[in-house]
Amino acid sequence: MPPPGSGPDPGARVQESPAILIRRLAWSETSWIVTWLTRDHGKISTVARGARRPDSPHSGKLDLFFVAEISYAISRKSSLHSLREVRLVSGFPGSPFPNVFLAAYFAELVDLITQPGEPVEPVYHLLERAVRFLRTSPASLRALEHFERELARVIGVESPDPLPALETYCGRIPSSRTAALRLLMQP
């Protein structure tokens, strides 16, 4: 149940940015908390009030790895902002399970290396390219390794073996990597 007085602030400043949906959690019976990696404002979390209702203006626009133009009102009280508008740019429909799983690993890794509100435009563009690739091409070990190498490069920890550098930078590597490797190595 939302806390009292948590409705949109009519005087709140509104921001806009291209964004990729990287995490979604139920907040109430009718609302989602949605985490985005935005091009202009870094990682942000928004509440999408009423978005779980079938007649919501957000219906069908808030799925993982969707790329959208979003607008949101900045909260003065917390780091949870209010989602105002979502204009879908591209979805991630009907992708094979390995592609969805690999995109999830990429999103989890990006979530670990980014801090809320800190612009990370090169990381945004890398994730956007990866999602676009996985929308049309089969997931592969080569794609996983390329993403890790490029991510290490854009955050400034480039090395011949990017995994230890990323682990040092993040504190850990998501466990979904092991599962992704197993899935990609199946015949």
C-alpha atoms as a PDB file:
ATOM      1  CA  MET A   1       0.000   0.000   0.000  1.00  0.00           C
ATOM      2  CA  PRO A   2       1.471   3.390  -0.941  1.00  0.00           C
ATOM      3  CA  PRO A   3       2.292   5.666   1.979  1.00  0.00           C
ATOM      4  CA  PRO A   4      -0.103   8.570   2.598  1.00  0.00           C
ATOM      5  CA  GLY A   5       0.760  11.706   0.689  1.00  0.00           C
ATOM      6  CA  SER A   6       2.879   9.837  -1.850  1.00  0.00           C
ATOM      7  CA  GLY A   7       0.881  11.055  -4.860  1.00  0.00           C
ATOM      8  CA  PRO A   8       2.479  13.135  -7.585  1.00  0.00           C
ATOM      9  CA  ASP A   9       3.698  16.563  -6.546  1.00  0.00           C
ATOM     10  CA  PRO A  10       2.034  19.047  -8.944  1.00  0.00           C
ATOM     11  CA  GLY A  11       5.007  21.414  -8.600  1.00  0.00           C
ATOM     12  CA  ALA A  12       7.650  18.745  -9.203  1.00  0.00           C
ATOM     13  CA  ARG A  13      10.230  19.275 -11.928  1.00  0.00           C
ATOM     14  CA  VAL A  14       9.734  16.935 -14.900  1.00  0.00           C
ATOM     15  CA  GLN A  15      12.665  15.241 -16.661  1.00  0.00           C
ATOM     16  CA  GLU A  16      12.677  13.411 -19.987  1.00  0.00           C
ATOM     17  CA  SER A  17      15.135  10.904 -21.408  1.00  0.00           C
ATOM     18  CA  PRO A  18      15.479   7.823 -23.572  1.00  0.00           C
ATOM     19  CA  ALA A  19      15.528   4.838 -21.200  1.00  0.00           C
ATOM     20  CA  ILE A  20      15.768   1.045 -21.019  1.00  0.00           C
ATOM     21  CA  LEU A  21      13.659  -0.784 -18.465  1.00  0.00           C
ATOM     22  CA  ILE A  22      16.056  -2.953 -16.409  1.00  0.00           C
ATOM     23  CA  ARG A  23      13.943  -3.981 -13.386  1.00  0.00           C
ATOM     24  CA  ARG A  24      10.265  -4.052 -12.415  1.00  0.00           C
ATOM     25  CA  LEU A  25       8.742  -4.850  -9.013  1.00  0.00           C
ATOM     26  CA  ALA A  26       5.144  -4.875  -7.821  1.00  0.00           C
ATOM     27  CA  TRP A  27       4.562  -1.930  -5.463  1.00  0.00           C
ATOM     28  CA  SER A  28       0.863  -2.367  -4.791  1.00  0.00           C
ATOM     29  CA  GLU A  29      -2.069  -4.202  -6.338  1.00  0.00           C
ATOM     30  CA  THR A  30      -2.143  -1.629  -9.135  1.00  0.00           C
ATOM     31  CA  SER A  31       1.341  -0.102  -9.350  1.00  0.00           C
ATOM     32  CA  TRP A  32       4.924  -0.996 -10.308  1.00  0.00           C
ATOM     33  CA  ILE A  33       8.306   0.273  -9.208  1.00  0.00           C
ATOM     34  CA  VAL A  34      10.291   0.463 -12.433  1.00  0.00           C
ATOM     35  CA  THR A  35      14.066   0.907 -12.648  1.00  0.00           C
ATOM     36  CA  TRP A  36      15.387   2.467 -15.818  1.00  0.00           C
ATOM     37  CA  LEU A  37      18.829   3.073 -17.237  1.00  0.00           C
ATOM     38  CA  THR A  38      18.420   6.463 -18.858  1.00  0.00           C
ATOM     39  CA  ARG A  39      20.745   8.057 -21.361  1.00  0.00           C
ATOM     40  CA  ASP A  40      20.673  11.483 -19.713  1.00  0.00           C
ATOM     41  CA  HIS A  41      20.177  10.846 -15.985  1.00  0.00           C
ATOM     42  CA  GLY A  42      21.707   7.424 -15.306  1.00  0.00           C
ATOM     43  CA  LYS A  43      19.837   4.816 -13.311  1.00  0.00           C
ATOM     44  CA  ILE A  44      16.540   5.978 -11.837  1.00  0.00           C
ATOM     45  CA  SER A  45      13.595   4.328 -10.141  1.00  0.00           C
ATOM     46  CA  THR A  46      10.051   5.440 -10.799  1.00  0.00           C
ATOM     47  CA  VAL A  47       6.668   4.474  -9.470  1.00  0.00           C
ATOM     48  CA  ALA A  48       4.156   3.752 -12.211  1.00  0.00           C
ATOM     49  CA  ARG A  49       0.872   4.321 -10.403  1.00  0.00           C
ATOM     50  CA  GLY A  50      -2.013   2.279 -11.735  1.00  0.00           C
ATOM     51  CA  ALA A  51       0.174   0.636 -14.395  1.00  0.00           C
ATOM     52  CA  ARG A  52      -0.954  -2.880 -13.466  1.00  0.00           C
ATOM     53  CA  ARG A  53      -4.536  -2.032 -14.409  1.00  0.00           C
ATOM     54  CA  PRO A  54      -5.583  -3.196 -17.906  1.00  0.00           C
ATOM     55  CA  ASP A  55      -6.875   0.278 -18.814  1.00  0.00           C
ATOM     56  CA  SER A  56      -3.665   2.060 -17.759  1.00  0.00           C
ATOM     57  CA  PRO A  57      -1.978   4.386 -20.264  1.00  0.00           C
ATOM     58  CA  HIS A  58       1.218   2.455 -19.383  1.00  0.00           C
ATOM     59  CA  SER A  59      -0.333  -0.918 -20.236  1.00  0.00           C
ATOM     60  CA  GLY A  60       1.939  -2.934 -22.554  1.00  0.00           C
ATOM     61  CA  LYS A  61       4.802  -0.416 -22.291  1.00  0.00           C
ATOM     62  CA  LEU A  62       6.557  -1.567 -19.104  1.00  0.00           C
ATOM     63  CA  ASP A  63       8.258  -4.842 -19.888  1.00  0.00           C
ATOM     64  CA  LEU A  64      11.898  -5.718 -19.332  1.00  0.00           C
ATOM     65  CA  PHE A  65      14.376  -4.439 -21.909  1.00  0.00           C
ATOM     66  CA  PHE A  66      11.835  -2.159 -23.589  1.00  0.00           C
ATOM     67  CA  VAL A  67      13.424   1.031 -24.921  1.00  0.00           C
ATOM     68  CA  ALA A  68      11.265   4.116 -24.427  1.00  0.00           C
ATOM     69  CA  GLU A  69      11.196   7.876 -24.186  1.00  0.00           C
ATOM     70  CA  ILE A  70      10.065   8.556 -20.628  1.00  0.00           C
ATOM     71  CA  SER A  71       9.095  11.589 -18.607  1.00  0.00           C
ATOM     72  CA  TYR A  72       9.030  11.574 -14.824  1.00  0.00           C
ATOM     73  CA  ALA A  73       8.514  14.008 -12.005  1.00  0.00           C
ATOM     74  CA  ILE A  74      11.465  14.268  -9.671  1.00  0.00           C
ATOM     75  CA  SER A  75      10.594  13.528  -6.053  1.00  0.00           C
ATOM     76  CA  ARG A  76      11.724  16.067  -3.495  1.00  0.00           C
ATOM     77  CA  LYS A  77      11.499  13.504  -0.678  1.00  0.00           C
ATOM     78  CA  SER A  78      13.048  10.293  -2.000  1.00  0.00           C
ATOM     79  CA  SER A  79      14.893   8.643  -4.865  1.00  0.00           C
ATOM     80  CA  LEU A  80      11.612   7.128  -6.105  1.00  0.00           C
ATOM     81  CA  HIS A  81      10.270   9.444  -8.799  1.00  0.00           C
ATOM     82  CA  SER A  82       6.817   9.497 -10.383  1.00  0.00           C
ATOM     83  CA  LEU A  83       6.540   8.121 -13.932  1.00  0.00           C
ATOM     84  CA  ARG A  84       4.451  10.452 -16.056  1.00  0.00           C
ATOM     85  CA  GLU A  85       4.670   9.240 -19.646  1.00  0.00           C
ATOM     86  CA  VAL A  86       6.155   6.339 -21.612  1.00  0.00           C
ATOM     87  CA  ARG A  87       6.503   6.458 -25.392  1.00  0.00           C
ATOM     88  CA  LEU A  88       7.624   3.014 -26.530  1.00  0.00           C
ATOM     89  CA  VAL A  89      10.521   3.071 -29.014  1.00  0.00           C
ATOM     90  CA  SER A  90      11.110  -0.684 -29.265  1.00  0.00           C
ATOM     91  CA  GLY A  91      10.017  -3.775 -27.402  1.00  0.00           C
ATOM     92  CA  PHE A  92      11.589  -7.144 -26.727  1.00  0.00           C
ATOM     93  CA  PRO A  93       8.680  -9.369 -27.792  1.00  0.00           C
ATOM     94  CA  GLY A  94       8.785 -13.094 -28.309  1.00  0.00           C
ATOM     95  CA  SER A  95      12.528 -13.429 -27.920  1.00  0.00           C
ATOM     96  CA  PRO A  96      13.916 -16.934 -27.338  1.00  0.00           C
ATOM     97  CA  PHE A  97      14.644 -17.841 -23.721  1.00  0.00           C
ATOM     98  CA  PRO A  98      18.472 -17.679 -24.094  1.00  0.00           C
ATOM     99  CA  ASN A  99      18.172 -14.123 -25.468  1.00  0.00           C
ATOM    100  CA  VAL A 100      15.968 -13.018 -22.584  1.00  0.00           C
ATOM    101  CA  PHE A 101      18.310 -14.673 -20.099  1.00  0.00           C
ATOM    102  CA  LEU A 102      21.391 -13.000 -21.587  1.00  0.00           C
ATOM    103  CA  ALA A 103      19.659  -9.600 -21.634  1.00  0.00           C
ATOM    104  CA  ALA A 104      18.762 -10.144 -17.972  1.00  0.00           C
ATOM    105  CA  TYR A 105      22.420 -10.817 -17.125  1.00  0.00           C
ATOM    106  CA  PHE A 106      23.471  -7.652 -18.979  1.00  0.00           C
ATOM    107  CA  ALA A 107      20.821  -5.599 -17.146  1.00  0.00           C
ATOM    108  CA  GLU A 108      21.826  -7.040 -13.768  1.00  0.00           C
ATOM    109  CA  LEU A 109      25.505  -6.279 -14.427  1.00  0.00           C
ATOM    110  CA  VAL A 110      24.680  -2.717 -15.522  1.00  0.00           C
ATOM    111  CA  ASP A 111      22.499  -2.300 -12.444  1.00  0.00           C
ATOM    112  CA  LEU A 112      25.479  -3.294 -10.258  1.00  0.00           C
ATOM    113  CA  ILE A 113      27.967  -0.900 -11.841  1.00  0.00           C
ATOM    114  CA  THR A 114      25.741   2.169 -11.965  1.00  0.00           C
ATOM    115  CA  GLN A 115      24.763   4.522  -9.169  1.00  0.00           C
ATOM    116  CA  PRO A 116      21.343   6.197  -9.047  1.00  0.00           C
ATOM    117  CA  GLY A 117      21.219   9.558 -10.780  1.00  0.00           C
ATOM    118  CA  GLU A 118      24.772   9.487 -12.178  1.00  0.00           C
ATOM    119  CA  PRO A 119      24.795   9.910 -15.974  1.00  0.00           C
ATOM    120  CA  VAL A 120      26.432   6.956 -17.738  1.00  0.00           C
ATOM    121  CA  GLU A 121      25.742   7.617 -21.406  1.00  0.00           C
ATOM    122  CA  PRO A 122      28.354   5.141 -22.778  1.00  0.00           C
ATOM    123  CA  VAL A 123      26.891   2.359 -20.596  1.00  0.00           C
ATOM    124  CA  TYR A 124      23.384   3.264 -21.791  1.00  0.00           C
ATOM    125  CA  HIS A 125      24.469   3.055 -25.450  1.00  0.00           C
ATOM    126  CA  LEU A 126      26.215  -0.288 -24.850  1.00  0.00           C
ATOM    127  CA  LEU A 127      23.110  -1.792 -23.234  1.00  0.00           C
ATOM    128  CA  GLU A 128      20.906  -0.368 -25.982  1.00  0.00           C
ATOM    129  CA  ARG A 129      23.114  -1.997 -28.663  1.00  0.00           C
ATOM    130  CA  ALA A 130      23.078  -5.304 -26.761  1.00  0.00           C
ATOM    131  CA  VAL A 131      19.280  -5.295 -26.446  1.00  0.00           C
ATOM    132  CA  ARG A 132      18.915  -4.411 -30.139  1.00  0.00           C
ATOM    133  CA  PHE A 133      21.287  -7.280 -31.062  1.00  0.00           C
ATOM    134  CA  LEU A 134      19.429  -9.786 -28.864  1.00  0.00           C
ATOM    135  CA  ARG A 135      16.108  -8.720 -30.379  1.00  0.00           C
ATOM    136  CA  THR A 136      17.185 -10.089 -33.783  1.00  0.00           C
ATOM    137  CA  SER A 137      20.188 -12.403 -33.308  1.00  0.00           C
ATOM    138  CA  PRO A 138      20.727 -15.574 -31.281  1.00  0.00           C
ATOM    139  CA  ALA A 139      22.342 -15.287 -27.862  1.00  0.00           C
ATOM    140  CA  SER A 140      25.908 -16.557 -27.858  1.00  0.00           C
ATOM    141  CA  LEU A 141      29.003 -16.876 -25.715  1.00  0.00           C
ATOM    142  CA  ARG A 142      30.674 -14.414 -28.076  1.00  0.00           C
ATOM    143  CA  ALA A 143      27.947 -11.821 -27.367  1.00  0.00           C
ATOM    144  CA  LEU A 144      28.369 -12.303 -23.596  1.00  0.00           C
ATOM    145  CA  GLU A 145      32.147 -11.884 -23.772  1.00  0.00           C
ATOM    146  CA  HIS A 146      31.883  -8.883 -26.102  1.00  0.00           C
ATOM    147  CA  PHE A 147      29.476  -7.126 -23.730  1.00  0.00           C
ATOM    148  CA  GLU A 148      31.780  -7.723 -20.749  1.00  0.00           C
ATOM    149  CA  ARG A 149      34.843  -6.465 -22.654  1.00  0.00           C
ATOM    150  CA  GLU A 150      33.037  -3.353 -23.862  1.00  0.00           C
ATOM    151  CA  LEU A 151      31.550  -2.650 -20.441  1.00  0.00           C
ATOM    152  CA  ALA A 152      34.999  -2.883 -18.824  1.00  0.00           C
ATOM    153  CA  ARG A 153      36.330  -0.526 -21.509  1.00  0.00           C
ATOM    154  CA  VAL A 154      33.611   2.129 -21.136  1.00  0.00           C
ATOM    155  CA  ILE A 155      33.882   2.232 -17.338  1.00  0.00           C
ATOM    156  CA  GLY A 156      37.670   2.459 -17.516  1.00  0.00           C
ATOM    157  CA  VAL A 157      38.763  -0.945 -16.181  1.00  0.00           C
ATOM    158  CA  GLU A 158      39.794  -2.486 -19.497  1.00  0.00           C
ATOM    159  CA  SER A 159      42.002  -5.565 -19.259  1.00  0.00           C
ATOM    160  CA  PRO A 160      42.725  -8.699 -21.320  1.00  0.00           C
ATOM    161  CA  ASP A 161      40.363 -10.625 -19.027  1.00  0.00           C
ATOM    162  CA  PRO A 162      37.533  -8.216 -18.150  1.00  0.00           C
ATOM    163  CA  LEU A 163      35.736 -10.475 -15.681  1.00  0.00           C
ATOM    164  CA  PRO A 164      38.124  -9.985 -12.706  1.00  0.00           C
ATOM    165  CA  ALA A 165      38.223  -6.235 -13.430  1.00  0.00           C
ATOM    166  CA  LEU A 166      34.421  -6.046 -13.478  1.00  0.00           C
ATOM    167  CA  GLU A 167      34.212  -8.133 -10.315  1.00  0.00           C
ATOM    168  CA  THR A 168      36.613  -5.796  -8.527  1.00  0.00           C
ATOM    169  CA  TYR A 169      34.670  -2.757  -9.761  1.00  0.00           C
ATOM    170  CA  CYS A 170      31.227  -4.173  -8.827  1.00  0.00           C
ATOM    171  CA  GLY A 171      32.157  -6.182  -5.769  1.00  0.00           C
ATOM    172  CA  ARG A 172      30.683  -9.292  -7.377  1.00  0.00           C
ATOM    173  CA  ILE A 173      29.564 -10.765 -10.671  1.00  0.00           C
ATOM    174  CA  PRO A 174      25.861 -11.663 -10.854  1.00  0.00           C
ATOM    175  CA  SER A 175      25.178 -15.362 -10.342  1.00  0.00           C
ATOM    176  CA  SER A 176      23.043 -15.217 -13.474  1.00  0.00           C
ATOM    177  CA  ARG A 177      26.318 -15.267 -15.452  1.00  0.00           C
ATOM    178  CA  THR A 178      26.968 -18.902 -14.483  1.00  0.00           C
ATOM    179  CA  ALA A 179      23.454 -19.896 -15.500  1.00  0.00           C
ATOM    180  CA  ALA A 180      23.805 -17.933 -18.763  1.00  0.00           C
ATOM    181  CA  LEU A 181      27.065 -19.742 -19.559  1.00  0.00           C
ATOM    182  CA  ARG A 182      25.426 -23.120 -18.938  1.00  0.00           C
ATOM    183  CA  LEU A 183      22.511 -22.181 -21.160  1.00  0.00           C
ATOM    184  CA  LEU A 184      24.737 -20.878 -23.977  1.00  0.00           C
ATOM    185  CA  MET A 185      26.970 -23.948 -23.935  1.00  0.00           C
ATOM    186  CA  GLN A 186      24.091 -26.410 -24.394  1.00  0.00           C
ATOM    187  CA  PRO A 187      24.053 -28.123 -27.778  1.00  0.00           C
END
